[in-house]
PDB file of N, CA and C in Angstrom:
ATOM      1  N   MET A   1       7.780   0.043  -2.142  1.00  0.00           N
ATOM      2  CA  MET A   1       8.822   0.771  -3.032  1.00  0.00           C
ATOM      3  C   MET A   1       8.618   2.204  -3.124  1.00  0.00           C
ATOM      4  N   HIS A   2       9.548   3.092  -2.844  1.00  0.00           N
ATOM      5  CA  HIS A   2       9.329   4.502  -2.931  1.00  0.00           C
ATOM      6  C   HIS A   2      10.195   4.986  -4.319  1.00  0.00           C
ATOM      7  N   ILE A   3       9.219   5.554  -5.303  1.00  0.00           N
ATOM      8  CA  ILE A   3       9.977   5.908  -6.562  1.00  0.00           C
ATOM      9  C   ILE A   3       9.844   7.368  -6.782  1.00  0.00           C
ATOM     10  N   PHE A   4      11.038   8.003  -7.254  1.00  0.00           N
ATOM     11  CA  PHE A   4      11.005   9.236  -7.479  1.00  0.00           C
ATOM     12  C   PHE A   4      11.927   9.516  -8.693  1.00  0.00           C
ATOM     13  N   LYS A   5      11.762  10.559  -9.530  1.00  0.00           N
ATOM     14  CA  LYS A   5      12.704  10.953 -10.430  1.00  0.00           C
ATOM     15  C   LYS A   5      13.778  11.763  -9.869  1.00  0.00           C
ATOM     16  N   TYR A   6      14.976  11.477 -10.289  1.00  0.00           N
ATOM     17  CA  TYR A   6      16.178  12.399  -9.939  1.00  0.00           C
ATOM     18  C   TYR A   6      15.903  13.746 -10.724  1.00  0.00           C
ATOM     19  N   SER A   7      16.226  14.947  -9.917  1.00  0.00           N
ATOM     20  CA  SER A   7      16.247  16.240 -10.526  1.00  0.00           C
ATOM     21  C   SER A   7      17.502  16.924 -10.064  1.00  0.00           C
ATOM     22  N   PRO A   8      18.333  17.339 -10.993  1.00  0.00           N
ATOM     23  CA  PRO A   8      19.613  17.926 -10.471  1.00  0.00           C
ATOM     24  C   PRO A   8      19.328  19.362  -9.635  1.00  0.00           C
ATOM     25  N   ARG A   9      20.118  19.486  -8.657  1.00  0.00           N
ATOM     26  CA  ARG A   9      19.960  20.563  -7.752  1.00  0.00           C
ATOM     27  C   ARG A   9      20.966  21.621  -8.238  1.00  0.00           C
ATOM     28  N   LYS A  10      20.614  22.860  -8.375  1.00  0.00           N
ATOM     29  CA  LYS A  10      21.603  23.857  -8.872  1.00  0.00           C
ATOM     30  C   LYS A  10      22.753  24.006  -7.808  1.00  0.00           C
ATOM     31  N   GLY A  11      23.997  23.931  -8.383  1.00  0.00           N
ATOM     32  CA  GLY A  11      25.217  24.173  -7.456  1.00  0.00           C
ATOM     33  C   GLY A  11      25.699  22.904  -7.079  1.00  0.00           C
ATOM     34  N   THR A  12      25.230  21.777  -7.421  1.00  0.00           N
ATOM     35  CA  THR A  12      25.755  20.441  -7.071  1.00  0.00           C
ATOM     36  C   THR A  12      26.681  19.977  -8.322  1.00  0.00           C
ATOM     37  N   LYS A  13      27.473  18.990  -7.886  1.00  0.00           N
ATOM     38  CA  LYS A  13      28.301  18.384  -8.934  1.00  0.00           C
ATOM     39  C   LYS A  13      27.470  17.655  -9.875  1.00  0.00           C
ATOM     40  N   ALA A  14      26.405  16.981  -9.492  1.00  0.00           N
ATOM     41  CA  ALA A  14      25.420  16.205 -10.279  1.00  0.00           C
ATOM     42  C   ALA A  14      24.838  17.216 -11.261  1.00  0.00           C
ATOM     43  N   ALA A  15      24.433  18.413 -10.944  1.00  0.00           N
ATOM     44  CA  ALA A  15      23.776  19.268 -11.862  1.00  0.00           C
ATOM     45  C   ALA A  15      24.882  19.728 -12.964  1.00  0.00           C
ATOM     46  N   GLN A  16      26.000  19.618 -12.770  1.00  0.00           N
ATOM     47  CA  GLN A  16      27.122  20.027 -13.767  1.00  0.00           C
ATOM     48  C   GLN A  16      27.477  18.943 -14.768  1.00  0.00           C
ATOM     49  N   MET A  17      27.046  17.645 -14.472  1.00  0.00           N
ATOM     50  CA  MET A  17      27.280  16.648 -15.196  1.00  0.00           C
ATOM     51  C   MET A  17      26.691  16.816 -16.623  1.00  0.00           C
ATOM     52  N   THR A  18      27.490  16.330 -17.635  1.00  0.00           N
ATOM     53  CA  THR A  18      26.966  16.503 -18.998  1.00  0.00           C
ATOM     54  C   THR A  18      26.081  15.444 -19.530  1.00  0.00           C
ATOM     55  N   GLU A  19      26.066  14.315 -18.914  1.00  0.00           N
ATOM     56  CA  GLU A  19      25.259  13.166 -19.380  1.00  0.00           C
ATOM     57  C   GLU A  19      24.022  13.002 -18.688  1.00  0.00           C
ATOM     58  N   GLN A  20      23.107  14.092 -18.721  1.00  0.00           N
ATOM     59  CA  GLN A  20      21.932  13.995 -17.991  1.00  0.00           C
ATOM     60  C   GLN A  20      20.842  13.093 -18.669  1.00  0.00           C
ATOM     61  N   ILE A  21      19.916  12.377 -17.955  1.00  0.00           N
ATOM     62  CA  ILE A  21      18.973  11.527 -18.558  1.00  0.00           C
ATOM     63  C   ILE A  21      17.779  12.530 -18.972  1.00  0.00           C
ATOM     64  N   ASP A  22      17.274  12.244 -20.179  1.00  0.00           N
ATOM     65  CA  ASP A  22      16.118  12.984 -20.687  1.00  0.00           C
ATOM     66  C   ASP A  22      14.877  12.791 -19.889  1.00  0.00           C
ATOM     67  N   GLY A  23      14.069  13.784 -19.635  1.00  0.00           N
ATOM     68  CA  GLY A  23      12.965  13.804 -18.811  1.00  0.00           C
ATOM     69  C   GLY A  23      11.839  12.800 -19.259  1.00  0.00           C
ATOM     70  N   LYS A  24      11.777  12.591 -20.603  1.00  0.00           N
ATOM     71  CA  LYS A  24      10.899  11.458 -21.063  1.00  0.00           C
ATOM     72  C   LYS A  24      11.287  10.117 -20.643  1.00  0.00           C
ATOM     73  N   ILE A  25      12.572   9.860 -20.597  1.00  0.00           N
ATOM     74  CA  ILE A  25      13.083   8.521 -20.280  1.00  0.00           C
ATOM     75  C   ILE A  25      12.765   8.383 -18.754  1.00  0.00           C
ATOM     76  N   LYS A  26      13.102   9.495 -17.937  1.00  0.00           N
ATOM     77  CA  LYS A  26      12.876   9.236 -16.522  1.00  0.00           C
ATOM     78  C   LYS A  26      11.312   9.073 -16.246  1.00  0.00           C
ATOM     79  N   GLU A  27      10.427   9.667 -17.051  1.00  0.00           N
ATOM     80  CA  GLU A  27       9.040   9.450 -16.848  1.00  0.00           C
ATOM     81  C   GLU A  27       8.654   8.012 -17.075  1.00  0.00           C
ATOM     82  N   GLU A  28       9.157   7.545 -18.210  1.00  0.00           N
ATOM     83  CA  GLU A  28       8.852   6.054 -18.561  1.00  0.00           C
ATOM     84  C   GLU A  28       9.423   5.078 -17.655  1.00  0.00           C
ATOM     85  N   ARG A  29      10.606   5.408 -17.069  1.00  0.00           N
ATOM     86  CA  ARG A  29      11.221   4.418 -16.132  1.00  0.00           C
ATOM     87  C   ARG A  29      10.411   4.565 -14.822  1.00  0.00           C
ATOM     88  N   SER A  30      10.094   5.699 -14.349  1.00  0.00           N
ATOM     89  CA  SER A  30       9.177   5.782 -13.146  1.00  0.00           C
ATOM     90  C   SER A  30       7.828   5.061 -13.285  1.00  0.00           C
ATOM     91  N   ARG A  31       7.253   5.313 -14.465  1.00  0.00           N
ATOM     92  CA  ARG A  31       5.867   4.600 -14.827  1.00  0.00           C
ATOM     93  C   ARG A  31       6.033   3.018 -14.691  1.00  0.00           C
ATOM     94  N   LYS A  32       7.096   2.502 -15.352  1.00  0.00           N
ATOM     95  CA  LYS A  32       7.330   1.123 -15.273  1.00  0.00           C
ATOM     96  C   LYS A  32       7.574   0.585 -13.834  1.00  0.00           C
ATOM     97  N   LEU A  33       8.442   1.486 -13.066  1.00  0.00           N
ATOM     98  CA  LEU A  33       8.664   0.936 -11.596  1.00  0.00           C
ATOM     99  C   LEU A  33       7.345   1.165 -10.820  1.00  0.00           C
ATOM    100  N   ILE A  34       6.577   2.033 -10.995  1.00  0.00           N
ATOM    101  CA  ILE A  34       5.294   2.128 -10.279  1.00  0.00           C
ATOM    102  C   ILE A  34       4.345   0.959 -10.591  1.00  0.00           C
ATOM    103  N   GLU A  35       4.314   0.495 -11.850  1.00  0.00           N
ATOM    104  CA  GLU A  35       3.495  -0.625 -12.269  1.00  0.00           C
ATOM    105  C   GLU A  35       4.025  -1.829 -11.521  1.00  0.00           C
ATOM    106  N   LEU A  36       5.278  -2.028 -11.647  1.00  0.00           N
ATOM    107  CA  LEU A  36       5.996  -3.216 -11.002  1.00  0.00           C
ATOM    108  C   LEU A  36       5.668  -3.186  -9.410  1.00  0.00           C
ATOM    109  N   SER A  37       5.820  -2.052  -8.777  1.00  0.00           N
ATOM    110  CA  SER A  37       5.679  -1.952  -7.414  1.00  0.00           C
ATOM    111  C   SER A  37       4.098  -2.292  -7.024  1.00  0.00           C
ATOM    112  N   ASN A  38       3.221  -1.764  -7.909  1.00  0.00           N
ATOM    113  CA  ASN A  38       1.802  -2.141  -7.601  1.00  0.00           C
ATOM    114  C   ASN A  38       1.398  -3.534  -7.836  1.00  0.00           C
ATOM    115  N   GLN A  39       2.022  -4.178  -8.838  1.00  0.00           N
ATOM    116  CA  GLN A  39       1.967  -5.610  -9.052  1.00  0.00           C
ATOM    117  C   GLN A  39       2.363  -6.432  -7.915  1.00  0.00           C
ATOM    118  N   ASN A  40       3.734  -6.088  -7.425  1.00  0.00           N
ATOM    119  CA  ASN A  40       4.176  -6.869  -6.315  1.00  0.00           C
ATOM    120  C   ASN A  40       3.344  -6.626  -5.033  1.00  0.00           C
ATOM    121  N   GLN A  41       2.857  -5.359  -4.824  1.00  0.00           N
ATOM    122  CA  GLN A  41       2.152  -5.190  -3.682  1.00  0.00           C
ATOM    123  C   GLN A  41       0.825  -5.965  -3.623  1.00  0.00           C
ATOM    124  N   LYS A  42       0.111  -6.002  -4.779  1.00  0.00           N
ATOM    125  CA  LYS A  42      -1.049  -6.806  -4.857  1.00  0.00           C
ATOM    126  C   LYS A  42      -0.832  -8.243  -4.758  1.00  0.00           C
ATOM    127  N   GLU A  43       0.299  -8.732  -5.283  1.00  0.00           N
ATOM    128  CA  GLU A  43       0.572 -10.083  -5.174  1.00  0.00           C
ATOM    129  C   GLU A  43       0.813 -10.570  -3.656  1.00  0.00           C
ATOM    130  N   TYR A  44       1.436  -9.711  -3.063  1.00  0.00           N
ATOM    131  CA  TYR A  44       1.799  -9.841  -1.561  1.00  0.00           C
ATOM    132  C   TYR A  44       0.549  -9.807  -0.788  1.00  0.00           C
ATOM    133  N   HIS A  45      -0.554  -8.884  -1.066  1.00  0.00           N
ATOM    134  CA  HIS A  45      -1.741  -8.917  -0.450  1.00  0.00           C
ATOM    135  C   HIS A  45      -2.579 -10.066  -0.727  1.00  0.00           C
ATOM    136  N   GLU A  46      -2.498 -10.679  -1.857  1.00  0.00           N
ATOM    137  CA  GLU A  46      -3.196 -11.870  -2.388  1.00  0.00           C
ATOM    138  C   GLU A  46      -2.860 -12.969  -1.489  1.00  0.00           C
ATOM    139  N   LYS A  47      -1.721 -13.078  -0.992  1.00  0.00           N
ATOM    140  CA  LYS A  47      -1.307 -14.188  -0.089  1.00  0.00           C
ATOM    141  C   LYS A  47      -2.085 -14.319   1.247  1.00  0.00           C
ATOM    142  N   CYS A  48      -2.753 -13.189   1.521  1.00  0.00           N
ATOM    143  CA  CYS A  48      -3.646 -13.193   2.801  1.00  0.00           C
ATOM    144  C   CYS A  48      -5.144 -13.777   2.559  1.00  0.00           C
ATOM    145  N   VAL A  49      -5.467 -13.748   1.194  1.00  0.00           N
ATOM    146  CA  VAL A  49      -6.848 -14.174   0.712  1.00  0.00           C
ATOM    147  C   VAL A  49      -7.004 -15.480   1.423  1.00  0.00           C
ATOM    148  N   GLY A  50      -8.223 -15.678   2.088  1.00  0.00           N
ATOM    149  CA  GLY A  50      -8.568 -16.967   2.666  1.00  0.00           C
ATOM    150  C   GLY A  50      -8.034 -17.267   4.017  1.00  0.00           C
ATOM    151  N   LYS A  51      -7.099 -16.514   4.417  1.00  0.00           N
ATOM    152  CA  LYS A  51      -6.607 -16.521   5.829  1.00  0.00           C
ATOM    153  C   LYS A  51      -7.193 -15.796   6.777  1.00  0.00           C
ATOM    154  N   THR A  52      -7.009 -16.114   8.044  1.00  0.00           N
ATOM    155  CA  THR A  52      -7.541 -15.311   9.133  1.00  0.00           C
ATOM    156  C   THR A  52      -6.346 -14.507   9.628  1.00  0.00           C
ATOM    157  N   VAL A  53      -6.438 -13.222   9.728  1.00  0.00           N
ATOM    158  CA  VAL A  53      -5.404 -12.351  10.262  1.00  0.00           C
ATOM    159  C   VAL A  53      -5.861 -11.443  11.378  1.00  0.00           C
ATOM    160  N   GLU A  54      -4.892 -10.995  12.208  1.00  0.00           N
ATOM    161  CA  GLU A  54      -5.268 -10.250  13.291  1.00  0.00           C
ATOM    162  C   GLU A  54      -4.918  -8.798  12.821  1.00  0.00           C
ATOM    163  N   ILE A  55      -6.020  -7.990  13.162  1.00  0.00           N
ATOM    164  CA  ILE A  55      -5.963  -6.558  12.816  1.00  0.00           C
ATOM    165  C   ILE A  55      -6.136  -5.737  14.091  1.00  0.00           C
ATOM    166  N   LEU A  56      -5.321  -4.656  14.159  1.00  0.00           N
ATOM    167  CA  LEU A  56      -5.532  -3.476  15.154  1.00  0.00           C
ATOM    168  C   LEU A  56      -6.415  -2.462  14.313  1.00  0.00           C
ATOM    169  N   TRP A  57      -7.625  -2.519  14.781  1.00  0.00           N
ATOM    170  CA  TRP A  57      -8.749  -1.622  14.198  1.00  0.00           C
ATOM    171  C   TRP A  57      -8.476  -0.223  14.683  1.00  0.00           C
ATOM    172  N   GLU A  58      -8.471   0.849  13.679  1.00  0.00           N
ATOM    173  CA  GLU A  58      -7.992   2.173  14.195  1.00  0.00           C
ATOM    174  C   GLU A  58      -9.335   3.169  14.147  1.00  0.00           C
ATOM    175  N   GLU A  59      -9.984   3.077  13.058  1.00  0.00           N
ATOM    176  CA  GLU A  59     -11.216   4.070  12.968  1.00  0.00           C
ATOM    177  C   GLU A  59     -12.114   3.579  11.846  1.00  0.00           C
ATOM    178  N   GLU A  60     -13.210   4.223  11.992  1.00  0.00           N
ATOM    179  CA  GLU A  60     -14.296   4.132  10.889  1.00  0.00           C
ATOM    180  C   GLU A  60     -14.355   5.224   9.914  1.00  0.00           C
ATOM    181  N   LYS A  61     -14.302   4.881   8.687  1.00  0.00           N
ATOM    182  CA  LYS A  61     -14.382   5.864   7.572  1.00  0.00           C
ATOM    183  C   LYS A  61     -15.298   5.311   6.483  1.00  0.00           C
ATOM    184  N   ASN A  62     -16.244   6.154   6.040  1.00  0.00           N
ATOM    185  CA  ASN A  62     -17.102   5.802   4.974  1.00  0.00           C
ATOM    186  C   ASN A  62     -17.715   4.360   5.056  1.00  0.00           C
ATOM    187  N   GLY A  63     -18.171   4.077   6.336  1.00  0.00           N
ATOM    188  CA  GLY A  63     -18.906   2.876   6.399  1.00  0.00           C
ATOM    189  C   GLY A  63     -17.900   1.597   6.647  1.00  0.00           C
ATOM    190  N   TYR A  64     -16.648   1.788   6.578  1.00  0.00           N
ATOM    191  CA  TYR A  64     -15.668   0.666   6.755  1.00  0.00           C
ATOM    192  C   TYR A  64     -14.699   1.096   7.941  1.00  0.00           C
ATOM    193  N   TYR A  65     -14.376  -0.035   8.675  1.00  0.00           N
ATOM    194  CA  TYR A  65     -13.418   0.149   9.849  1.00  0.00           C
ATOM    195  C   TYR A  65     -12.069  -0.113   9.102  1.00  0.00           C
ATOM    196  N   GLN A  66     -11.049   0.788   9.551  1.00  0.00           N
ATOM    197  CA  GLN A  66      -9.746   0.632   8.961  1.00  0.00           C
ATOM    198  C   GLN A  66      -8.782   0.161  10.065  1.00  0.00           C
ATOM    199  N   GLY A  67      -7.868  -0.539   9.677  1.00  0.00           N
ATOM    200  CA  GLY A  67      -6.825  -0.914  10.579  1.00  0.00           C
ATOM    201  C   GLY A  67      -5.629  -1.472   9.894  1.00  0.00           C
ATOM    202  N   HIS A  68      -4.662  -2.058  10.654  1.00  0.00           N
ATOM    203  CA  HIS A  68      -3.457  -2.617   9.855  1.00  0.00           C
ATOM    204  C   HIS A  68      -3.136  -3.975  10.553  1.00  0.00           C
ATOM    205  N   THR A  69      -2.670  -4.835   9.810  1.00  0.00           N
ATOM    206  CA  THR A  69      -2.083  -6.178  10.169  1.00  0.00           C
ATOM    207  C   THR A  69      -0.908  -6.087  10.897  1.00  0.00           C
ATOM    208  N   LYS A  70      -0.229  -7.098  11.379  1.00  0.00           N
ATOM    209  CA  LYS A  70       0.989  -7.086  12.116  1.00  0.00           C
ATOM    210  C   LYS A  70       2.180  -6.569  11.123  1.00  0.00           C
ATOM    211  N   ASN A  71       1.979  -6.827   9.879  1.00  0.00           N
ATOM    212  CA  ASN A  71       3.058  -6.509   8.964  1.00  0.00           C
ATOM    213  C   ASN A  71       2.655  -5.344   8.075  1.00  0.00           C
ATOM    214  N   TYR A  72       1.653  -4.472   8.730  1.00  0.00           N
ATOM    215  CA  TYR A  72       1.308  -3.164   8.247  1.00  0.00           C
ATOM    216  C   TYR A  72       0.639  -3.095   6.824  1.00  0.00           C
ATOM    217  N   ILE A  73      -0.211  -4.083   6.653  1.00  0.00           N
ATOM    218  CA  ILE A  73      -1.094  -4.038   5.500  1.00  0.00           C
ATOM    219  C   ILE A  73      -2.430  -3.346   5.903  1.00  0.00           C
ATOM    220  N   LEU A  74      -2.887  -2.380   5.080  1.00  0.00           N
ATOM    221  CA  LEU A  74      -4.106  -1.623   5.414  1.00  0.00           C
ATOM    222  C   LEU A  74      -5.212  -2.595   5.232  1.00  0.00           C
ATOM    223  N   ALA A  75      -6.097  -2.694   6.336  1.00  0.00           N
ATOM    224  CA  ALA A  75      -7.254  -3.669   6.196  1.00  0.00           C
ATOM    225  C   ALA A  75      -8.452  -2.952   6.389  1.00  0.00           C
ATOM    226  N   LEU A  76      -9.621  -3.346   5.632  1.00  0.00           N
ATOM    227  CA  LEU A  76     -10.868  -2.684   5.729  1.00  0.00           C
ATOM    228  C   LEU A  76     -11.921  -3.742   5.914  1.00  0.00           C
ATOM    229  N   GLY A  77     -12.882  -3.480   6.810  1.00  0.00           N
ATOM    230  CA  GLY A  77     -14.040  -4.336   7.152  1.00  0.00           C
ATOM    231  C   GLY A  77     -15.133  -3.695   7.609  1.00  0.00           C
ATOM    232  N   LYS A  78     -16.383  -4.199   7.418  1.00  0.00           N
ATOM    233  CA  LYS A  78     -17.668  -3.570   7.884  1.00  0.00           C
ATOM    234  C   LYS A  78     -17.973  -4.379   9.229  1.00  0.00           C
ATOM    235  N   SER A  79     -18.594  -3.598  10.055  1.00  0.00           N
ATOM    236  CA  SER A  79     -18.976  -4.211  11.266  1.00  0.00           C
ATOM    237  C   SER A  79     -20.163  -3.279  11.949  1.00  0.00           C
ATOM    238  N   LYS A  80     -21.058  -3.782  12.626  1.00  0.00           N
ATOM    239  CA  LYS A  80     -21.993  -3.039  13.335  1.00  0.00           C
ATOM    240  C   LYS A  80     -21.552  -2.669  14.764  1.00  0.00           C
ATOM    241  N   GLU A  81     -20.501  -3.521  15.167  1.00  0.00           N
ATOM    242  CA  GLU A  81     -19.792  -3.200  16.460  1.00  0.00           C
ATOM    243  C   GLU A  81     -18.809  -2.234  16.414  1.00  0.00           C
ATOM    244  N   ASN A  82     -18.515  -1.395  17.318  1.00  0.00           N
ATOM    245  CA  ASN A  82     -17.405  -0.446  17.367  1.00  0.00           C
ATOM    246  C   ASN A  82     -16.059  -1.281  17.564  1.00  0.00           C
ATOM    247  N   LEU A  83     -15.316  -1.188  16.484  1.00  0.00           N
ATOM    248  CA  LEU A  83     -14.027  -1.873  16.464  1.00  0.00           C
ATOM    249  C   LEU A  83     -12.808  -1.059  16.930  1.00  0.00           C
ATOM    250  N   GLU A  84     -13.074   0.184  17.095  1.00  0.00           N
ATOM    251  CA  GLU A  84     -11.806   1.138  17.254  1.00  0.00           C
ATOM    252  C   GLU A  84     -10.873   0.691  18.432  1.00  0.00           C
ATOM    253  N   ASN A  85      -9.715   0.670  18.246  1.00  0.00           N
ATOM    254  CA  ASN A  85      -8.767   0.423  19.272  1.00  0.00           C
ATOM    255  C   ASN A  85      -8.781  -1.138  19.704  1.00  0.00           C
ATOM    256  N   LYS A  86      -9.266  -2.064  18.949  1.00  0.00           N
ATOM    257  CA  LYS A  86      -9.447  -3.361  19.235  1.00  0.00           C
ATOM    258  C   LYS A  86      -8.598  -4.274  18.323  1.00  0.00           C
ATOM    259  N   MET A  87      -8.053  -5.424  19.055  1.00  0.00           N
ATOM    260  CA  MET A  87      -7.356  -6.366  18.113  1.00  0.00           C
ATOM    261  C   MET A  87      -8.311  -7.534  17.937  1.00  0.00           C
ATOM    262  N   ILE A  88      -8.661  -7.634  16.709  1.00  0.00           N
ATOM    263  CA  ILE A  88      -9.602  -8.584  16.332  1.00  0.00           C
ATOM    264  C   ILE A  88      -9.187  -9.419  15.021  1.00  0.00           C
ATOM    265  N   LYS A  89      -9.338 -10.764  15.135  1.00  0.00           N
ATOM    266  CA  LYS A  89      -9.090 -11.598  13.788  1.00  0.00           C
ATOM    267  C   LYS A  89     -10.173 -11.540  12.916  1.00  0.00           C
ATOM    268  N   ALA A  90      -9.936 -11.516  11.649  1.00  0.00           N
ATOM    269  CA  ALA A  90     -10.889 -11.663  10.620  1.00  0.00           C
ATOM    270  C   ALA A  90     -10.369 -12.358   9.394  1.00  0.00           C
ATOM    271  N   LYS A  91     -11.282 -12.699   8.549  1.00  0.00           N
ATOM    272  CA  LYS A  91     -10.794 -13.601   7.440  1.00  0.00           C
ATOM    273  C   LYS A  91     -10.784 -12.655   6.196  1.00  0.00           C
ATOM    274  N   CYS A  92      -9.616 -12.762   5.549  1.00  0.00           N
ATOM    275  CA  CYS A  92      -9.440 -11.814   4.377  1.00  0.00           C
ATOM    276  C   CYS A  92     -10.196 -12.510   3.117  1.00  0.00           C
ATOM    277  N   VAL A  93     -11.012 -11.743   2.410  1.00  0.00           N
ATOM    278  CA  VAL A  93     -11.826 -12.200   1.359  1.00  0.00           C
ATOM    279  C   VAL A  93     -11.427 -11.522   0.056  1.00  0.00           C
ATOM    280  N   GLN A  94     -10.497 -10.514   0.074  1.00  0.00           N
ATOM    281  CA  GLN A  94     -10.282  -9.834  -1.175  1.00  0.00           C
ATOM    282  C   GLN A  94      -8.804  -9.040  -1.004  1.00  0.00           C
ATOM    283  N   ALA A  95      -8.117  -9.071  -2.091  1.00  0.00           N
ATOM    284  CA  ALA A  95      -6.812  -8.177  -2.050  1.00  0.00           C
ATOM    285  C   ALA A  95      -6.885  -7.070  -3.125  1.00  0.00           C
ATOM    286  N   ASN A  96      -6.418  -5.994  -2.812  1.00  0.00           N
ATOM    287  CA  ASN A  96      -6.380  -4.873  -3.673  1.00  0.00           C
ATOM    288  C   ASN A  96      -4.998  -4.415  -3.693  1.00  0.00           C
ATOM    289  N   ILE A  97      -4.549  -3.473  -4.450  1.00  0.00           N
ATOM    290  CA  ILE A  97      -3.170  -2.890  -4.398  1.00  0.00           C
ATOM    291  C   ILE A  97      -2.906  -2.314  -3.151  1.00  0.00           C
ATOM    292  N   ASP A  98      -3.805  -1.548  -2.629  1.00  0.00           N
ATOM    293  CA  ASP A  98      -3.529  -0.720  -1.411  1.00  0.00           C
ATOM    294  C   ASP A  98      -3.983  -1.290  -0.047  1.00  0.00           C
ATOM    295  N   SER A  99      -4.854  -2.434  -0.118  1.00  0.00           N
ATOM    296  CA  SER A  99      -5.528  -2.838   1.047  1.00  0.00           C
ATOM    297  C   SER A  99      -6.023  -4.262   0.839  1.00  0.00           C
ATOM    298  N   ILE A 100      -6.480  -4.903   1.919  1.00  0.00           N
ATOM    299  CA  ILE A 100      -7.283  -6.185   2.066  1.00  0.00           C
ATOM    300  C   ILE A 100      -8.477  -5.793   2.536  1.00  0.00           C
ATOM    301  N   LEU A 101      -9.485  -6.661   2.122  1.00  0.00           N
ATOM    302  CA  LEU A 101     -10.851  -6.575   2.607  1.00  0.00           C
ATOM    303  C   LEU A 101     -11.169  -7.910   3.448  1.00  0.00           C
ATOM    304  N   LEU A 102     -11.719  -7.465   4.569  1.00  0.00           N
ATOM    305  CA  LEU A 102     -11.870  -8.561   5.555  1.00  0.00           C
ATOM    306  C   LEU A 102     -13.377  -8.862   5.894  1.00  0.00           C
ATOM    307  N   GLU A 103     -13.680 -10.039   6.259  1.00  0.00           N
ATOM    308  CA  GLU A 103     -15.077 -10.490   6.623  1.00  0.00           C
ATOM    309  C   GLU A 103     -14.914 -10.527   8.115  1.00  0.00           C
ATOM    310  N   ILE A 104     -15.596  -9.833   8.928  1.00  0.00           N
ATOM    311  CA  ILE A 104     -15.604  -9.817  10.419  1.00  0.00           C
ATOM    312  C   ILE A 104     -16.734 -10.655  10.944  1.00  0.00           C
ATOM    313  N   GLU A 105     -16.424 -11.701  11.758  1.00  0.00           N
ATOM    314  CA  GLU A 105     -17.337 -12.531  12.366  1.00  0.00           C
ATOM    315  C   GLU A 105     -17.722 -11.995  13.659  1.00  0.00           C
ATOM    316  N   HIS A 106     -19.032 -11.996  14.133  1.00  0.00           N
ATOM    317  CA  HIS A 106     -19.345 -11.552  15.480  1.00  0.00           C
ATOM    318  C   HIS A 106     -19.907 -12.750  16.066  1.00  0.00           C
TER     319      HIS A 106
END
């Protein structure tokens, strides 16, 4: 979900409307939607836990290889073998808001 607060642009009809929403209300609504989005994303990622998924491994960063599942979930895993540009299946052991952690078998 992509969330942003509406800001009227000078010279548009919307900017001339008299019933503008207060900035504090927009902030609160955005905060609630971001929380809901994060919760939904983590629940979606949690469906992978315990399953074997196929990953296109892209690069190594900070000791973890990073890649994506077929449905574009960011995946992280440790490996002594170079995984870059390889499609390898791995077991999902943990779900986070922004990624899943995989156990890579060799």
